[in-house]
Structure formats: structure tokens, C-alpha cells
Protein backbone atom coordinates (compact mmCIF):
# COMPACT_ATOMS: atom_id res chain seq x y z
CA MET A 1 25.89 -71.07 -34.34
CA ILE A 2 27.16 -72.37 -30.58
CA LEU A 3 23.50 -71.70 -29.51
CA GLN A 4 22.30 -74.03 -32.71
CA ARG A 5 24.42 -76.78 -32.34
CA LEU A 6 23.30 -76.71 -27.91
CA ALA A 7 19.82 -76.73 -28.83
CA THR A 8 20.63 -80.08 -31.55
CA ALA A 9 22.43 -81.47 -28.96
CA ILE A 10 19.15 -81.07 -26.21
CA ARG A 11 17.57 -82.76 -28.36
CA LYS A 12 19.46 -85.83 -29.38
CA GLN A 13 20.12 -86.22 -25.58
CA ASP A 14 23.70 -85.99 -26.67
CA TRP A 15 24.40 -84.40 -22.68
CA PHE A 16 28.31 -84.37 -23.41
CA THR A 17 27.98 -82.25 -26.17
CA VAL A 18 25.73 -80.28 -24.47
CA VAL A 19 28.18 -79.81 -21.31
CA ILE A 20 31.28 -78.50 -24.13
CA GLU A 21 28.69 -75.79 -25.86
CA THR A 22 27.67 -74.55 -22.02
CA LEU A 23 31.04 -74.32 -20.99
CA ILE A 24 32.50 -72.29 -24.41
CA VAL A 25 29.15 -70.14 -24.15
CA VAL A 26 30.17 -69.44 -20.06
CA PHE A 27 33.95 -68.94 -21.29
CA GLY A 28 33.08 -66.53 -24.23
CA VAL A 29 31.04 -64.80 -22.16
CA TYR A 30 33.70 -64.35 -19.32
CA LEU A 31 36.07 -63.19 -21.76
CA GLY A 32 34.02 -60.55 -23.20
CA ILE A 33 33.33 -59.03 -19.76
CA GLN A 34 37.15 -59.75 -18.90
CA LEU A 35 38.13 -57.50 -22.07
CA GLY A 36 35.86 -54.73 -21.54
CA ASN A 37 36.71 -54.82 -17.99
CA PHE A 38 40.18 -54.26 -18.88
CA ASN A 39 39.74 -51.95 -21.73
CA ALA A 40 37.26 -49.81 -19.33
CA ALA A 41 40.52 -49.98 -16.98
CA GLN A 42 42.73 -48.63 -19.24
CA ASN A 43 40.67 -45.88 -20.79
CA ALA A 44 39.81 -44.27 -17.13
CA LYS A 45 43.63 -44.54 -16.71
CA ALA A 46 44.44 -42.85 -19.84
CA GLU A 47 41.79 -40.32 -18.93
CA GLU A 48 43.37 -39.89 -15.05
CA ALA A 49 46.58 -39.46 -16.81
CA ARG A 50 45.61 -36.58 -18.86
CA ILE A 51 43.70 -35.21 -15.96
CA ILE A 52 47.25 -35.06 -13.84
CA GLU A 53 49.37 -34.24 -16.87
CA ARG A 54 46.74 -30.51 -16.67
CA LEU A 55 46.69 -30.17 -13.25
CA THR A 56 50.16 -30.63 -12.96
CA GLU A 57 50.40 -27.30 -15.76
CA ASP A 58 47.72 -25.39 -14.74
CA PHE A 59 49.00 -25.47 -10.69
CA GLN A 60 52.46 -24.68 -11.68
CA LYS A 61 51.11 -21.45 -13.06
CA GLN A 62 48.99 -20.69 -10.18
CA GLU A 63 52.20 -21.23 -7.90
CA GLU A 64 53.93 -18.45 -10.12
CA ILE A 65 50.96 -16.79 -9.62
CA LEU A 66 50.83 -16.94 -6.01
CA ILE A 67 54.58 -15.88 -5.71
CA ARG A 68 53.52 -12.66 -7.34
CA ARG A 69 50.50 -11.80 -5.32
CA VAL A 70 52.28 -12.94 -2.16
CA GLU A 71 55.30 -9.74 -2.83
CA MET A 72 52.39 -7.71 -4.10
CA ALA A 73 50.38 -8.06 -0.63
CA GLN A 74 54.00 -7.39 0.67
CA GLY A 75 54.59 -4.29 -1.47
CA PHE A 76 51.57 -3.25 -0.12
CA LEU A 77 52.49 -3.09 3.77
CA GLN A 78 55.18 -1.37 2.63
CA THR A 79 53.59 1.13 1.35
CA VAL A 80 51.41 1.60 4.54
CA ASP A 81 54.80 1.44 7.08
CA ASP A 82 56.59 4.61 4.44
CA LEU A 83 53.64 6.17 5.10
CA GLN A 84 53.40 5.55 8.84
CA ARG A 85 56.98 6.72 9.06
CA LEU A 86 56.71 9.97 7.35
CA ILE A 87 53.42 10.64 9.91
CA ILE A 88 56.11 10.14 12.64
CA ALA A 89 58.75 12.15 11.35
CA GLY A 90 56.25 15.08 11.45
CA GLU A 91 57.62 17.20 8.95
CA GLU A 92 55.69 17.23 4.99
CA PRO A 93 58.42 16.63 2.32
CA ASP A 94 59.50 18.86 0.42
CA ASP A 95 58.68 17.04 -2.71
CA SER A 96 54.49 16.51 -2.29
CA LYS A 97 54.73 13.81 -4.86
CA VAL A 98 56.53 11.11 -2.32
CA VAL A 99 53.43 11.36 -0.30
CA SER A 100 50.83 11.43 -3.48
CA ASP A 101 52.70 8.50 -4.35
CA LEU A 102 52.11 6.43 -1.36
CA LEU A 103 48.40 7.42 -1.17
CA TYR A 104 48.19 6.58 -4.70
CA ARG A 105 49.64 2.61 -4.11
CA LEU A 106 47.51 2.64 -0.53
CA THR A 107 44.26 2.20 -2.76
CA GLY A 108 45.31 -1.49 -3.99
CA THR A 109 43.04 -4.66 -3.16
CA LEU A 110 44.18 -8.07 -2.50
CA THR A 111 41.79 -10.40 -4.63
CA ARG A 112 41.38 -13.88 -4.20
CA GLU A 113 43.35 -15.52 -7.06
CA ALA A 114 40.75 -18.45 -8.55
CA PRO A 115 41.12 -21.78 -8.53
CA PRO A 116 42.71 -23.15 -11.95
CA ALA A 117 40.70 -24.40 -14.80
CA SER A 118 41.51 -27.72 -14.27
CA TYR A 119 40.60 -28.02 -10.84
CA GLU A 120 36.80 -25.90 -11.70
CA GLU A 121 35.87 -29.10 -14.33
CA LEU A 122 36.80 -31.85 -11.62
CA VAL A 123 35.08 -30.26 -8.86
CA SER A 124 31.94 -29.50 -11.29
CA SER A 125 31.80 -32.54 -12.90
CA GLY A 126 32.51 -34.35 -9.79
CA GLY A 127 35.64 -36.31 -11.48
CA PHE A 128 37.07 -36.14 -8.07
CA SER A 129 36.23 -39.61 -8.48
CA GLN A 130 38.38 -40.24 -11.20
CA LEU A 131 41.92 -39.56 -9.68
CA SER A 132 43.24 -43.13 -7.87
CA ASP A 133 45.29 -41.65 -5.12
CA ALA A 134 43.49 -40.77 -2.09
CA GLY A 135 47.07 -38.40 -1.56
CA LEU A 136 46.24 -36.40 -4.48
CA ARG A 137 42.31 -35.91 -3.78
CA ALA A 138 43.45 -34.84 0.12
CA ALA A 139 45.46 -32.71 -1.31
CA LEU A 140 43.12 -30.29 -3.84
CA SER A 141 40.11 -31.09 -1.25
CA ASN A 142 42.55 -28.97 1.13
CA TYR A 143 43.18 -26.24 -1.45
CA GLY A 144 39.60 -25.90 -2.41
CA GLN A 145 38.95 -25.02 1.13
CA THR A 146 41.75 -23.30 2.32
CA ASN A 147 40.96 -20.99 -1.10
CA GLU A 148 37.40 -20.25 -0.10
CA LEU A 149 38.44 -18.27 3.18
CA TRP A 150 39.15 -15.39 0.73
CA ALA A 151 35.49 -14.76 1.15
CA TYR A 152 36.45 -13.25 4.45
CA VAL A 153 39.07 -10.50 2.88
CA GLU A 154 37.40 -9.70 -0.70
CA GLY A 155 36.86 -5.79 -0.66
CA GLN A 156 38.79 -2.86 0.66
CA PRO A 157 39.64 -1.56 4.47
CA LEU A 158 36.57 0.78 5.46
CA ALA A 159 38.93 3.44 6.47
CA LEU A 160 39.43 3.62 2.11
CA ILE A 161 35.57 2.48 1.13
CA ASP A 162 34.01 5.41 3.71
CA PRO A 163 33.66 8.88 2.00
CA ASN A 164 33.46 10.05 6.34
CA SER A 165 36.82 8.37 7.38
CA ALA A 166 39.62 10.68 8.75
CA LEU A 167 42.10 9.06 5.62
CA ALA A 168 39.35 9.22 3.53
CA GLN A 169 38.18 13.37 4.47
CA SER A 170 42.61 14.01 4.39
CA MET A 171 43.13 13.12 0.44
CA TRP A 172 41.59 13.72 -2.71
CA LEU A 173 41.51 13.21 -6.52
CA SER A 174 43.49 15.88 -8.59
CA GLU A 175 42.05 17.40 -11.86
CA ASP A 176 44.79 15.61 -13.59
CA PHE A 177 44.06 12.07 -12.18
CA MET A 178 42.63 10.85 -15.49
CA ALA A 179 46.04 11.39 -17.22
CA VAL A 180 47.56 8.52 -14.19
CA THR A 181 48.68 5.28 -16.27
CA GLU A 182 46.83 2.28 -16.67
CA THR A 183 50.14 -0.13 -16.64
CA ILE A 184 49.85 -2.02 -13.14
CA GLY A 185 52.91 -1.83 -10.96
CA GLU A 186 54.08 0.96 -12.58
CA GLN A 187 54.22 4.80 -10.45
CA PRO A 188 51.34 7.49 -12.14
CA ARG A 189 53.34 9.64 -13.86
CA VAL A 190 50.77 12.58 -12.75
CA VAL A 191 49.54 13.38 -9.09
CA VAL A 192 46.38 11.64 -8.41
CA PHE A 193 46.00 12.25 -4.82
CA GLU A 194 46.54 15.74 -3.36
CA TYR A 195 46.23 15.22 0.22
CA ASP A 196 45.99 17.84 3.19
CA TRP A 197 48.90 17.46 5.38
CA GLU A 198 47.55 18.10 9.12
CA LYS A 199 44.58 15.76 7.78
CA LEU A 200 46.50 13.33 7.04
CA LYS A 201 48.46 12.85 10.22
CA ALA A 202 45.64 12.83 12.43
CA ALA A 203 44.51 10.29 10.25
CA ARG A 204 47.41 7.85 11.12
CA PRO A 205 45.32 5.58 13.43
CA ALA A 206 42.88 4.30 10.08
CA LEU A 207 46.92 3.19 8.71
CA VAL A 208 45.84 0.13 11.78
CA GLY A 209 43.09 -1.11 9.40
CA MET A 210 45.23 -0.68 6.38
CA ALA A 211 47.42 -3.01 7.23
CA ALA A 212 45.38 -5.33 9.40
CA TYR A 213 43.75 -5.49 5.21
CA PHE A 214 47.00 -6.26 3.75
CA ILE A 215 48.76 -8.69 6.11
CA THR A 216 45.42 -10.94 6.08
CA GLY A 217 45.64 -10.40 2.33
CA ARG A 218 49.39 -11.39 2.46
CA VAL A 219 48.87 -14.82 4.59
CA ARG A 220 45.59 -16.15 2.50
CA HIS A 221 47.77 -15.87 -0.69
CA GLU A 222 50.64 -16.89 1.60
CA ARG A 223 47.99 -20.46 2.88
CA ASP A 224 46.46 -20.81 -1.34
CA LEU A 225 50.25 -20.61 -2.40
CA ALA A 226 51.31 -23.48 0.79
CA ALA A 227 48.32 -25.52 0.21
CA VAL A 228 49.30 -25.38 -4.10
CA ARG A 229 52.50 -26.28 -3.61
CA ILE A 230 51.03 -29.40 -1.38
CA VAL A 231 48.71 -30.35 -4.87
CA LEU A 232 52.06 -29.88 -6.90
CA SER A 233 53.75 -32.81 -4.41
CA ALA A 234 51.33 -35.05 -4.24
CA LEU A 235 50.60 -34.53 -8.33
CA GLU A 236 55.15 -35.40 -8.51
CA ALA A 237 54.43 -38.67 -6.11
CA VAL A 238 51.51 -39.99 -8.61
CA GLU A 239 53.50 -39.03 -12.07
């Protein structure tokens, strides 16, 4: 309708009307663009709030998991220490299950705790640009770099996986090992490993590698935990 009036005004050389109608068209286009930009900004803000809410929930859970992982790593270290103290004492305990249980706990593995799903989705979709706060982006980037360092820890110590190692040669599976409980954190209800006490004493140097492995794993979990807490602080600052 406006364009029709504008065309009529031009044919009649009614320049005042031409100017007015042109200004109306330009102003209408401008308002439309501004309204579109406003809606886009509001949608982006709502999406960012949703992302922050998910990140907060996921990283709070991640913090709880990593606290338990640190405690688990410390428990493995305590097992190494307990076994070494028995070996240093020199006398085999009257109850052989004491040593067998220590050997069972010694076979634990420390593994990387995968990043939260919301973080993985942000990485895969390139969604970091949706986060307006530079501090939060930096905290998430730092967490990702810290977590990737687990690549240097995965696996088990050579003393356990090499069948020719002194430690592996000093222990073997009992006939009843299949009856062991599968409940994580419980002591086995049966003897899983039997051992040769003299060979086990000779394998004491292998405990150095075991301790180093568990120390490294504990440190990695502790650093992951510290990075997670930095992310949570950044999330709290932008909420």
C-alpha cells in the first residue's frame, strides 16, 4: 500500500509526499531489523541461561564424583603402604587372608572421569561462543585441558600386567576366586589371591611403581577437582 502511494506521488511529482512515504518505509524497515535483533538477543540470552543451568547441575555432580575418586586413590595408596609395612616387618601374618585382601585391593585401577555431557555437547557443537562471559569460557577451557592429561595415566602398573614381574610371580588366583563379590568397595568374601610370602617380600621394589601410579592418579583427580571448582565459581559469578 505504501509503495503504491509512493509510486503515485512520484508520477505526480509530489515530492513532499515522496519524502514522507520514503521515510515511513525506511523507518519501518529499521524497526523491523531492530525488533528482529531484539528477539534474537532475547533467544540467545535464554539459551545461554539454559546452558549455564545444565553446566551447573552437571559440574556439581562431577565435583561429588571426583571427591570420591580422590578418596579411592588415597585408599589404594594406603594399601601399598600397609603391604609394604608387613613386608618390612618380615613376619607373615597368622591370617593369610590379611595379605590376600591387600593384594586384591592392590589390583584396583584409576581411570579418567569423563567430562559432563553438557560440556561435551558444548565442545562438539562449538557452543562456547554462546557463553558471553570470558571468565567462564576460560574456566571451561582450563578444565578440558586438565582432563585431557589423563591420557598419561590410563592403564595399570607394569608390575601387575607383566606376568614375568616379581610381583606377578609372587601371587596367583585361588580356586575360589569366581565367588568374589562384585560389589565395589566391599572386601572379598573368599580368598581371591594366594601368594608366596618369600617371593612377595622379594617383590617389594615393585611397590615403588605401584605407589607412583596411584600417586599420579590421585594428583590427576585432585587437579580435575580443582578445575571443576574453578568452573563452578565462574558459573556462580554469571548466574
